[in-house]
PDB file of all heavy atoms in Angstrom:
ATOM      1  N   VAL A   1     107.486  92.746 116.666  1.00  0.00           N
ATOM      2  CA  VAL A   1     107.020  93.333 117.908  1.00  0.00           C
ATOM      3  C   VAL A   1     106.821  92.241 118.952  1.00  0.00           C
ATOM      4  O   VAL A   1     106.216  91.231 118.691  1.00  0.00           O
ATOM      5  CB  VAL A   1     105.639  94.046 117.657  1.00  0.00           C
ATOM      6  CG1 VAL A   1     105.201  94.739 118.933  1.00  0.00           C
ATOM      7  CG2 VAL A   1     105.765  95.047 116.528  1.00  0.00           C
ATOM      8  N   ARG A   2     107.378  92.514 120.133  1.00  0.00           N
ATOM      9  CA  ARG A   2     107.176  91.619 121.282  1.00  0.00           C
ATOM     10  C   ARG A   2     105.771  91.830 121.851  1.00  0.00           C
ATOM     11  O   ARG A   2     105.402  92.902 122.217  1.00  0.00           O
ATOM     12  CB  ARG A   2     108.187  91.799 122.342  1.00  0.00           C
ATOM     13  CG  ARG A   2     108.088  90.851 123.522  1.00  0.00           C
ATOM     14  CD  ARG A   2     109.126  91.132 124.562  1.00  0.00           C
ATOM     15  NE  ARG A   2     110.472  90.746 124.143  1.00  0.00           N
ATOM     16  CZ  ARG A   2     110.954  89.513 124.215  1.00  0.00           C
ATOM     17  NH1 ARG A   2     110.238  88.543 124.754  1.00  0.00           N
ATOM     18  NH2 ARG A   2     112.224  89.286 123.762  1.00  0.00           N
ATOM     19  N   ASP A   3     105.039  90.715 121.986  1.00  0.00           N
ATOM     20  CA  ASP A   3     103.733  90.730 122.607  1.00  0.00           C
ATOM     21  C   ASP A   3     103.759  89.652 123.702  1.00  0.00           C
ATOM     22  O   ASP A   3     103.508  88.482 123.397  1.00  0.00           O
ATOM     23  CB  ASP A   3     102.646  90.417 121.548  1.00  0.00           C
ATOM     24  CG  ASP A   3     101.244  90.443 122.149  1.00  0.00           C
ATOM     25  OD1 ASP A   3     101.070  90.894 123.323  1.00  0.00           O
ATOM     26  OD2 ASP A   3     100.296  89.937 121.477  1.00  0.00           O
ATOM     27  N   GLY A   4     104.087  90.097 124.924  1.00  0.00           N
ATOM     28  CA  GLY A   4     104.272  89.064 125.957  1.00  0.00           C
ATOM     29  C   GLY A   4     105.475  88.243 125.674  1.00  0.00           C
ATOM     30  O   GLY A   4     106.590  88.798 125.502  1.00  0.00           O
ATOM     31  N   ASP A   5     105.322  86.918 125.523  1.00  0.00           N
ATOM     32  CA  ASP A   5     106.389  86.068 125.213  1.00  0.00           C
ATOM     33  C   ASP A   5     106.472  85.782 123.711  1.00  0.00           C
ATOM     34  O   ASP A   5     107.320  84.984 123.242  1.00  0.00           O
ATOM     35  CB  ASP A   5     106.285  84.749 125.927  1.00  0.00           C
ATOM     36  CG  ASP A   5     106.427  84.883 127.471  1.00  0.00           C
ATOM     37  OD1 ASP A   5     107.224  85.767 127.848  1.00  0.00           O
ATOM     38  OD2 ASP A   5     105.808  84.135 128.211  1.00  0.00           O
ATOM     39  N   ARG A   6     105.595  86.360 122.926  1.00  0.00           N
ATOM     40  CA  ARG A   6     105.485  86.095 121.493  1.00  0.00           C
ATOM     41  C   ARG A   6     106.127  87.226 120.701  1.00  0.00           C
ATOM     42  O   ARG A   6     106.079  88.399 121.061  1.00  0.00           O
ATOM     43  CB  ARG A   6     104.014  85.927 121.105  1.00  0.00           C
ATOM     44  CG  ARG A   6     103.267  84.890 121.863  1.00  0.00           C
ATOM     45  CD  ARG A   6     101.818  84.853 121.470  1.00  0.00           C
ATOM     46  NE  ARG A   6     101.603  84.246 120.199  1.00  0.00           N
ATOM     47  CZ  ARG A   6     100.818  84.812 119.268  1.00  0.00           C
ATOM     48  NH1 ARG A   6     100.245  85.988 119.441  1.00  0.00           N
ATOM     49  NH2 ARG A   6     100.678  84.199 118.104  1.00  0.00           N
ATOM     50  N   LEU A   7     106.695  86.862 119.560  1.00  0.00           N
ATOM     51  CA  LEU A   7     107.244  87.796 118.566  1.00  0.00           C
ATOM     52  C   LEU A   7     106.292  87.805 117.359  1.00  0.00           C
ATOM     53  O   LEU A   7     106.145  86.751 116.668  1.00  0.00           O
ATOM     54  CB  LEU A   7     108.644  87.487 118.131  1.00  0.00           C
ATOM     55  CG  LEU A   7     109.727  87.563 119.270  1.00  0.00           C
ATOM     56  CD1 LEU A   7     111.068  87.168 118.704  1.00  0.00           C
ATOM     57  CD2 LEU A   7     109.774  88.963 119.850  1.00  0.00           C
ATOM     58  N   ILE A   8     105.715  88.939 117.041  1.00  0.00           N
ATOM     59  CA  ILE A   8     104.746  89.048 115.977  1.00  0.00           C
ATOM     60  C   ILE A   8     105.284  89.875 114.833  1.00  0.00           C
ATOM     61  O   ILE A   8     105.869  90.962 115.037  1.00  0.00           O
ATOM     62  CB  ILE A   8     103.436  89.759 116.524  1.00  0.00           C
ATOM     63  CG1 ILE A   8     102.897  88.948 117.702  1.00  0.00           C
ATOM     64  CG2 ILE A   8     102.405  89.800 115.385  1.00  0.00           C
ATOM     65  CD1 ILE A   8     102.559  87.524 117.421  1.00  0.00           C
ATOM     66  N   GLY A   9     105.157  89.380 113.622  1.00  0.00           N
ATOM     67  CA  GLY A   9     105.666  90.073 112.419  1.00  0.00           C
ATOM     68  C   GLY A   9     104.683  91.092 111.926  1.00  0.00           C
ATOM     69  O   GLY A   9     103.512  90.779 111.710  1.00  0.00           O
ATOM     70  N   GLU A  10     105.173  92.284 111.633  1.00  0.00           N
ATOM     71  CA  GLU A  10     104.383  93.345 111.021  1.00  0.00           C
ATOM     72  C   GLU A  10     105.091  93.818 109.747  1.00  0.00           C
ATOM     73  O   GLU A  10     106.282  93.447 109.516  1.00  0.00           O
ATOM     74  CB  GLU A  10     104.285  94.566 111.961  1.00  0.00           C
ATOM     75  CG  GLU A  10     103.524  94.353 113.233  1.00  0.00           C
ATOM     76  CD  GLU A  10     102.019  94.714 113.077  1.00  0.00           C
ATOM     77  OE1 GLU A  10     101.643  95.091 111.970  1.00  0.00           O
ATOM     78  OE2 GLU A  10     101.318  94.592 114.063  1.00  0.00           O
ATOM     79  N   ASN A  11     104.423  94.555 108.924  1.00  0.00           N
ATOM     80  CA  ASN A  11     105.102  95.163 107.799  1.00  0.00           C
ATOM     81  C   ASN A  11     104.726  96.630 107.796  1.00  0.00           C
ATOM     82  O   ASN A  11     103.541  96.992 107.525  1.00  0.00           O
ATOM     83  CB  ASN A  11     104.666  94.528 106.457  1.00  0.00           C
ATOM     84  CG  ASN A  11     105.576  94.939 105.281  1.00  0.00           C
ATOM     85  OD1 ASN A  11     105.706  96.091 105.074  1.00  0.00           O
ATOM     86  ND2 ASN A  11     106.196  93.932 104.700  1.00  0.00           N
ATOM     87  N   THR A  12     105.647  97.494 108.067  1.00  0.00           N
ATOM     88  CA  THR A  12     105.405  98.926 108.175  1.00  0.00           C
ATOM     89  C   THR A  12     105.792  99.670 106.915  1.00  0.00           C
ATOM     90  O   THR A  12     105.578 100.865 106.828  1.00  0.00           O
ATOM     91  CB  THR A  12     106.167  99.542 109.306  1.00  0.00           C
ATOM     92  OG1 THR A  12     107.567  99.418 109.118  1.00  0.00           O
ATOM     93  CG2 THR A  12     105.800  98.909 110.624  1.00  0.00           C
ATOM     94  N   ASP A  13     106.301  98.920 105.880  1.00  0.00           N
ATOM     95  CA  ASP A  13     106.622  99.582 104.615  1.00  0.00           C
ATOM     96  C   ASP A  13     105.365 100.289 104.047  1.00  0.00           C
ATOM     97  O   ASP A  13     105.332 101.474 103.721  1.00  0.00           O
ATOM     98  CB  ASP A  13     107.191  98.581 103.586  1.00  0.00           C
ATOM     99  CG  ASP A  13     108.600  98.208 103.879  1.00  0.00           C
ATOM    100  OD1 ASP A  13     109.322  98.970 104.464  1.00  0.00           O
ATOM    101  OD2 ASP A  13     108.977  97.031 103.464  1.00  0.00           O
ATOM    102  N   GLY A  14     104.333  99.421 103.863  1.00  0.00           N
ATOM    103  CA  GLY A  14     103.133 100.020 103.334  1.00  0.00           C
ATOM    104  C   GLY A  14     102.392 100.926 104.293  1.00  0.00           C
ATOM    105  O   GLY A  14     101.737 101.915 103.893  1.00  0.00           O
ATOM    106  N   LYS A  15     102.415 100.550 105.636  1.00  0.00           N
ATOM    107  CA  LYS A  15     101.766 101.393 106.615  1.00  0.00           C
ATOM    108  C   LYS A  15     102.427 102.774 106.644  1.00  0.00           C
ATOM    109  O   LYS A  15     101.744 103.811 106.815  1.00  0.00           O
ATOM    110  CB  LYS A  15     101.863 100.764 107.994  1.00  0.00           C
ATOM    111  CG  LYS A  15     100.897  99.557 108.173  1.00  0.00           C
ATOM    112  CD  LYS A  15     100.996  99.009 109.580  1.00  0.00           C
ATOM    113  CE  LYS A  15      99.943  97.989 109.914  1.00  0.00           C
ATOM    114  NZ  LYS A  15     100.096  96.806 109.063  1.00  0.00           N
ATOM    115  N   GLY A  16     103.714 102.840 106.506  1.00  0.00           N
ATOM    116  CA  GLY A  16     104.403 104.159 106.499  1.00  0.00           C
ATOM    117  C   GLY A  16     103.956 104.973 105.316  1.00  0.00           C
ATOM    118  O   GLY A  16     103.681 106.179 105.448  1.00  0.00           O
ATOM    119  N   PHE A  17     103.842 104.358 104.126  1.00  0.00           N
ATOM    120  CA  PHE A  17     103.406 105.021 102.949  1.00  0.00           C
ATOM    121  C   PHE A  17     101.953 105.541 103.169  1.00  0.00           C
ATOM    122  O   PHE A  17     101.589 106.686 102.862  1.00  0.00           O
ATOM    123  CB  PHE A  17     103.430 104.146 101.720  1.00  0.00           C
ATOM    124  CG  PHE A  17     102.812 104.806 100.537  1.00  0.00           C
ATOM    125  CD1 PHE A  17     103.481 105.767  99.788  1.00  0.00           C
ATOM    126  CD2 PHE A  17     101.521 104.512 100.124  1.00  0.00           C
ATOM    127  CE1 PHE A  17     102.907 106.435  98.740  1.00  0.00           C
ATOM    128  CE2 PHE A  17     100.891 105.155  99.109  1.00  0.00           C
ATOM    129  CZ  PHE A  17     101.617 106.106  98.363  1.00  0.00           C
ATOM    130  N   LEU A  18     101.143 104.606 103.716  1.00  0.00           N
ATOM    131  CA  LEU A  18      99.692 104.931 103.896  1.00  0.00           C
ATOM    132  C   LEU A  18      99.494 106.128 104.860  1.00  0.00           C
ATOM    133  O   LEU A  18      98.694 107.025 104.654  1.00  0.00           O
ATOM    134  CB  LEU A  18      98.944 103.719 104.457  1.00  0.00           C
ATOM    135  CG  LEU A  18      97.461 103.621 104.184  1.00  0.00           C
ATOM    136  CD1 LEU A  18      97.184 103.567 102.689  1.00  0.00           C
ATOM    137  CD2 LEU A  18      96.886 102.421 104.900  1.00  0.00           C
ATOM    138  N   SER A  19     100.364 106.190 105.925  1.00  0.00           N
ATOM    139  CA  SER A  19     100.245 107.263 106.886  1.00  0.00           C
ATOM    140  C   SER A  19     100.688 108.609 106.268  1.00  0.00           C
ATOM    141  O   SER A  19     100.046 109.646 106.466  1.00  0.00           O
ATOM    142  CB  SER A  19     101.164 107.007 108.119  1.00  0.00           C
ATOM    143  OG  SER A  19     100.643 105.921 108.830  1.00  0.00           O
ATOM    144  N   SER A  20     101.757 108.552 105.438  1.00  0.00           N
ATOM    145  CA  SER A  20     102.197 109.817 104.766  1.00  0.00           C
ATOM    146  C   SER A  20     101.175 110.286 103.767  1.00  0.00           C
ATOM    147  O   SER A  20     100.898 111.444 103.654  1.00  0.00           O
ATOM    148  CB  SER A  20     103.562 109.623 104.155  1.00  0.00           C
ATOM    149  OG  SER A  20     103.523 108.595 103.172  1.00  0.00           O
ATOM    150  N   LEU A  21     100.561 109.358 103.047  1.00  0.00           N
ATOM    151  CA  LEU A  21      99.496 109.677 102.088  1.00  0.00           C
ATOM    152  C   LEU A  21      98.294 110.245 102.827  1.00  0.00           C
ATOM    153  O   LEU A  21      97.711 111.267 102.353  1.00  0.00           O
ATOM    154  CB  LEU A  21      99.085 108.448 101.305  1.00  0.00           C
ATOM    155  CG  LEU A  21      97.897 108.594 100.396  1.00  0.00           C
ATOM    156  CD1 LEU A  21      98.156 109.573  99.262  1.00  0.00           C
ATOM    157  CD2 LEU A  21      97.448 107.218  99.771  1.00  0.00           C
ATOM    158  N   GLY A  22      97.939 109.614 103.959  1.00  0.00           N
ATOM    159  CA  GLY A  22      96.767 110.034 104.703  1.00  0.00           C
ATOM    160  C   GLY A  22      96.820 111.464 105.181  1.00  0.00           C
ATOM    161  O   GLY A  22      95.755 112.051 105.531  1.00  0.00           O
ATOM    162  N   ARG A  23      98.026 112.055 105.314  1.00  0.00           N
ATOM    163  CA  ARG A  23      98.122 113.420 105.717  1.00  0.00           C
ATOM    164  C   ARG A  23      97.622 114.401 104.680  1.00  0.00           C
ATOM    165  O   ARG A  23      97.317 115.616 104.982  1.00  0.00           O
ATOM    166  CB  ARG A  23      99.571 113.732 106.067  1.00  0.00           C
ATOM    167  CG  ARG A  23     100.068 112.976 107.297  1.00  0.00           C
ATOM    168  CD  ARG A  23     101.427 113.418 107.821  1.00  0.00           C
ATOM    169  NE  ARG A  23     101.849 112.573 108.936  1.00  0.00           N
ATOM    170  CZ  ARG A  23     101.419 112.794 110.216  1.00  0.00           C
ATOM    171  NH1 ARG A  23     100.662 113.773 110.500  1.00  0.00           N
ATOM    172  NH2 ARG A  23     101.860 111.984 111.187  1.00  0.00           N
ATOM    173  N   ILE A  24      97.506 113.942 103.432  1.00  0.00           N
ATOM    174  CA  ILE A  24      96.967 114.837 102.337  1.00  0.00           C
ATOM    175  C   ILE A  24      95.808 114.271 101.571  1.00  0.00           C
ATOM    176  O   ILE A  24      95.068 115.048 100.921  1.00  0.00           O
ATOM    177  CB  ILE A  24      98.073 115.269 101.395  1.00  0.00           C
ATOM    178  CG1 ILE A  24      98.653 114.094 100.659  1.00  0.00           C
ATOM    179  CG2 ILE A  24      99.148 116.058 102.109  1.00  0.00           C
ATOM    180  CD1 ILE A  24      99.640 114.499  99.534  1.00  0.00           C
ATOM    181  N   GLU A  25      95.619 112.928 101.644  1.00  0.00           N
ATOM    182  CA  GLU A  25      94.584 112.342 100.813  1.00  0.00           C
ATOM    183  C   GLU A  25      94.209 110.927 101.383  1.00  0.00           C
ATOM    184  O   GLU A  25      95.042 110.189 101.822  1.00  0.00           O
ATOM    185  CB  GLU A  25      94.989 112.165  99.356  1.00  0.00           C
ATOM    186  CG  GLU A  25      94.009 111.636  98.407  1.00  0.00           C
ATOM    187  CD  GLU A  25      92.862 112.623  98.175  1.00  0.00           C
ATOM    188  OE1 GLU A  25      91.887 112.538  98.965  1.00  0.00           O
ATOM    189  OE2 GLU A  25      92.961 113.403  97.233  1.00  0.00           O
ATOM    190  N   SER A  26      92.902 110.631 101.363  1.00  0.00           N
ATOM    191  CA  SER A  26      92.467 109.279 101.731  1.00  0.00           C
ATOM    192  C   SER A  26      92.499 108.380 100.524  1.00  0.00           C
ATOM    193  O   SER A  26      92.126 108.789  99.385  1.00  0.00           O
ATOM    194  CB  SER A  26      91.051 109.326 102.219  1.00  0.00           C
ATOM    195  OG  SER A  26      90.538 107.977 102.350  1.00  0.00           O
ATOM    196  N   PRO A  27      92.990 107.164 100.658  1.00  0.00           N
ATOM    197  CA  PRO A  27      93.050 106.243  99.504  1.00  0.00           C
ATOM    198  C   PRO A  27      91.681 105.579  99.168  1.00  0.00           C
ATOM    199  O   PRO A  27      91.552 105.002  98.112  1.00  0.00           O
ATOM    200  CB  PRO A  27      94.038 105.203  99.918  1.00  0.00           C
ATOM    201  CG  PRO A  27      93.945 105.149 101.434  1.00  0.00           C
ATOM    202  CD  PRO A  27      93.637 106.556 101.854  1.00  0.00           C
ATOM    203  N   ALA A  28      90.727 105.777 100.059  1.00  0.00           N
ATOM    204  CA  ALA A  28      89.430 105.116  99.880  1.00  0.00           C
ATOM    205  C   ALA A  28      88.766 105.537  98.571  1.00  0.00           C
ATOM    206  O   ALA A  28      88.593 106.761  98.298  1.00  0.00           O
ATOM    207  CB  ALA A  28      88.479 105.428 101.040  1.00  0.00           C
ATOM    208  N   GLY A  29      88.422 104.505  97.729  1.00  0.00           N
ATOM    209  CA  GLY A  29      87.732 104.790  96.498  1.00  0.00           C
ATOM    210  C   GLY A  29      88.683 105.315  95.374  1.00  0.00           C
ATOM    211  O   GLY A  29      88.195 105.622  94.314  1.00  0.00           O
ATOM    212  N   LYS A  30      89.974 105.389  95.637  1.00  0.00           N
ATOM    213  CA  LYS A  30      90.880 106.038  94.652  1.00  0.00           C
ATOM    214  C   LYS A  30      91.410 105.017  93.622  1.00  0.00           C
ATOM    215  O   LYS A  30      91.487 103.805  93.930  1.00  0.00           O
ATOM    216  CB  LYS A  30      92.074 106.722  95.385  1.00  0.00           C
ATOM    217  CG  LYS A  30      91.594 107.861  96.289  1.00  0.00           C
ATOM    218  CD  LYS A  30      90.902 108.925  95.525  1.00  0.00           C
ATOM    219  CE  LYS A  30      90.685 110.219  96.420  1.00  0.00           C
ATOM    220  NZ  LYS A  30      89.800 109.930  97.525  1.00  0.00           N
ATOM    221  N   ARG A  31      91.875 105.513  92.498  1.00  0.00           N
ATOM    222  CA  ARG A  31      92.515 104.719  91.440  1.00  0.00           C
ATOM    223  C   ARG A  31      93.995 105.022  91.450  1.00  0.00           C
ATOM    224  O   ARG A  31      94.408 106.195  91.319  1.00  0.00           O
ATOM    225  CB  ARG A  31      91.845 105.003  90.087  1.00  0.00           C
ATOM    226  CG  ARG A  31      90.403 104.507  89.998  1.00  0.00           C
ATOM    227  CD  ARG A  31      89.567 105.347  89.135  1.00  0.00           C
ATOM    228  NE  ARG A  31      89.464 106.736  89.650  1.00  0.00           N
ATOM    229  CZ  ARG A  31      88.698 107.664  89.163  1.00  0.00           C
ATOM    230  NH1 ARG A  31      87.883 107.391  88.158  1.00  0.00           N
ATOM    231  NH2 ARG A  31      88.621 108.873  89.663  1.00  0.00           N
ATOM    232  N   VAL A  32      94.802 103.989  91.673  1.00  0.00           N
ATOM    233  CA  VAL A  32      96.231 104.136  91.940  1.00  0.00           C
ATOM    234  C   VAL A  32      97.062 103.473  90.855  1.00  0.00           C
ATOM    235  O   VAL A  32      96.737 102.361  90.437  1.00  0.00           O
ATOM    236  CB  VAL A  32      96.580 103.553  93.345  1.00  0.00           C
ATOM    237  CG1 VAL A  32      98.029 103.847  93.633  1.00  0.00           C
ATOM    238  CG2 VAL A  32      95.632 104.068  94.437  1.00  0.00           C
ATOM    239  N   VAL A  33      98.114 104.160  90.448  1.00  0.00           N
ATOM    240  CA  VAL A  33      99.132 103.530  89.559  1.00  0.00           C
ATOM    241  C   VAL A  33     100.439 103.446  90.324  1.00  0.00           C
ATOM    242  O   VAL A  33     100.937 104.477  90.771  1.00  0.00           O
ATOM    243  CB  VAL A  33      99.291 104.346  88.260  1.00  0.00           C
ATOM    244  CG1 VAL A  33     100.417 103.774  87.422  1.00  0.00           C
ATOM    245  CG2 VAL A  33      97.982 104.316  87.434  1.00  0.00           C
ATOM    246  N   VAL A  34     100.959 102.227  90.406  1.00  0.00           N
ATOM    247  CA  VAL A  34     102.240 102.015  91.098  1.00  0.00           C
ATOM    248  C   VAL A  34     103.271 101.495  90.119  1.00  0.00           C
ATOM    249  O   VAL A  34     103.081 100.513  89.440  1.00  0.00           O
ATOM    250  CB  VAL A  34     102.080 100.960  92.263  1.00  0.00           C
ATOM    251  CG1 VAL A  34     103.392 100.704  92.912  1.00  0.00           C
ATOM    252  CG2 VAL A  34     101.065 101.491  93.307  1.00  0.00           C
ATOM    253  N   PHE A  35     104.436 102.092  90.047  1.00  0.00           N
ATOM    254  CA  PHE A  35     105.549 101.649  89.211  1.00  0.00           C
ATOM    255  C   PHE A  35     106.489 100.801  89.979  1.00  0.00           C
ATOM    256  O   PHE A  35     107.000 101.162  91.065  1.00  0.00           O
ATOM    257  CB  PHE A  35     106.257 102.868  88.607  1.00  0.00           C
ATOM    258  CG  PHE A  35     105.432 103.686  87.643  1.00  0.00           C
ATOM    259  CD1 PHE A  35     104.769 104.831  88.111  1.00  0.00           C
ATOM    260  CD2 PHE A  35     105.349 103.307  86.347  1.00  0.00           C
ATOM    261  CE1 PHE A  35     103.972 105.528  87.215  1.00  0.00           C
ATOM    262  CE2 PHE A  35     104.569 104.035  85.460  1.00  0.00           C
ATOM    263  CZ  PHE A  35     103.876 105.182  85.834  1.00  0.00           C
ATOM    264  N   GLY A  36     106.802  99.588  89.468  1.00  0.00           N
ATOM    265  CA  GLY A  36     107.660  98.667  90.088  1.00  0.00           C
ATOM    266  C   GLY A  36     106.862  97.516  90.738  1.00  0.00           C
ATOM    267  O   GLY A  36     105.644  97.638  91.012  1.00  0.00           O
TER     268      GLY A  36
END
């Protein structure tokens, strides 16, 4: 992302997942199993 004259690195892989999850469930306090 350009911020003025600076280029800042983000990671939207996890943010995209978090947003899609947030439409049906909050991850706060949850126990998660991830394969891979």
